[in-house]
């Protein structure tokens, strides 16, 4: 519901209505906080977010969260297997849903479809939605947080949550910052011999190349995330279709046959920018707390785990105590996921003897089932324990 009062008093104000902010609002309502006591603020009109065509990967654990708030199902392509390899080196690993007794390891969908489903869940819960609006000023006192919006409205909350994302290079530097010297070229591509429900993570000298299966009106396609040096990204965007498809085929190999078509191409800079920021009554989650390299597709899923834990704790103690417990419970999962993606983004780049060792490491991973299972668990659920998203399974 849209809120037009000039002064709004709530328990929790959420700044940012992307998937993480929306999920937090829906989960807070699910955990027992009345919708009228939750405010969701966003600078974009809902229609703009729903129209966003970007492809995103949802882990199995994220699907469980969406099911809980009534935001599942929606159009999404299940991932049954994930093929991991290093270009030019022997060794590969294959993660398979059958080893986890699950319907899928994850799903590929449109950003806009996730937002649409979660926005409808938030509306059913009666959450106050304030958009388009930005927070112009924030004043924290011992008893509350006052937020002044750029449309003249004011809002007072027990807790304010930062859930606005943004891309690396457009954010203020946090405590842990690293420029990878890469840009991600994103597009949709078609191939002559697609393998149904198989995702690929292919490490190259310049960075990882991911292909995520996605069924749609144009048939079976792949969402491409190709990480390369910025100059190379500019050149790839400027190429005609035939040359681009040739370059992609050379980098990826022949597992999917010849690449036959590519959509419009876009690029954005890649870096790590992370800080477990909080004050007595404010806390950041999702990309507002940690912007990651897209390798392994963990950024959104980590943010949704943030939302799940924060909702549970604020429903029990909607104030400083809940924020303090949140930081403690989320520390291990955040640190492990950041370290894992950072290591993967850097270790496989370049050439030389190390890459041969890493290629053999993939072969060893494939041969040792417990290690392969653990990696799959981390990608689907994050670090388990007190911070687990939703640890039960549906087989």
Foldseek 3Di string as FASTA:
>chain_A
DEDDDQEAEAAEEEEDLFLLSLLLLLLLLVLPGQQSRYEYAAQDDLVVQLPQFDKAKAFQLNVVSCVSLQLDDDAKAAAAKEWEFEPPAAAIAIFGVVLVVAPGRIIMDGSSSSSVSSVVSSVVRNHHYYPNWHFPDWDDDPQWIWTQIPVNGIYIHQAYEYEHADAPPPDDAAPDKDFLQKKWKKWKWAFPADDGNYKYWYAYQAFIWIWGWHADPVGIITIITDIGHPVVSVVLQPDDFVVNQVVVCVRPDAPRHGIDDIDHMDMDGFMWGADQDDDFRYGYAQNRHIDAGCVLRCRVVRRNLLSQQLSNQCSVPSGSVSSVVSCVLSVVQVVVVRVVRVCNGPQRHRDDPSVNVVNVVNNVCNVDVVSSVVVSCCSRFTDDDSSTRDPDGDD
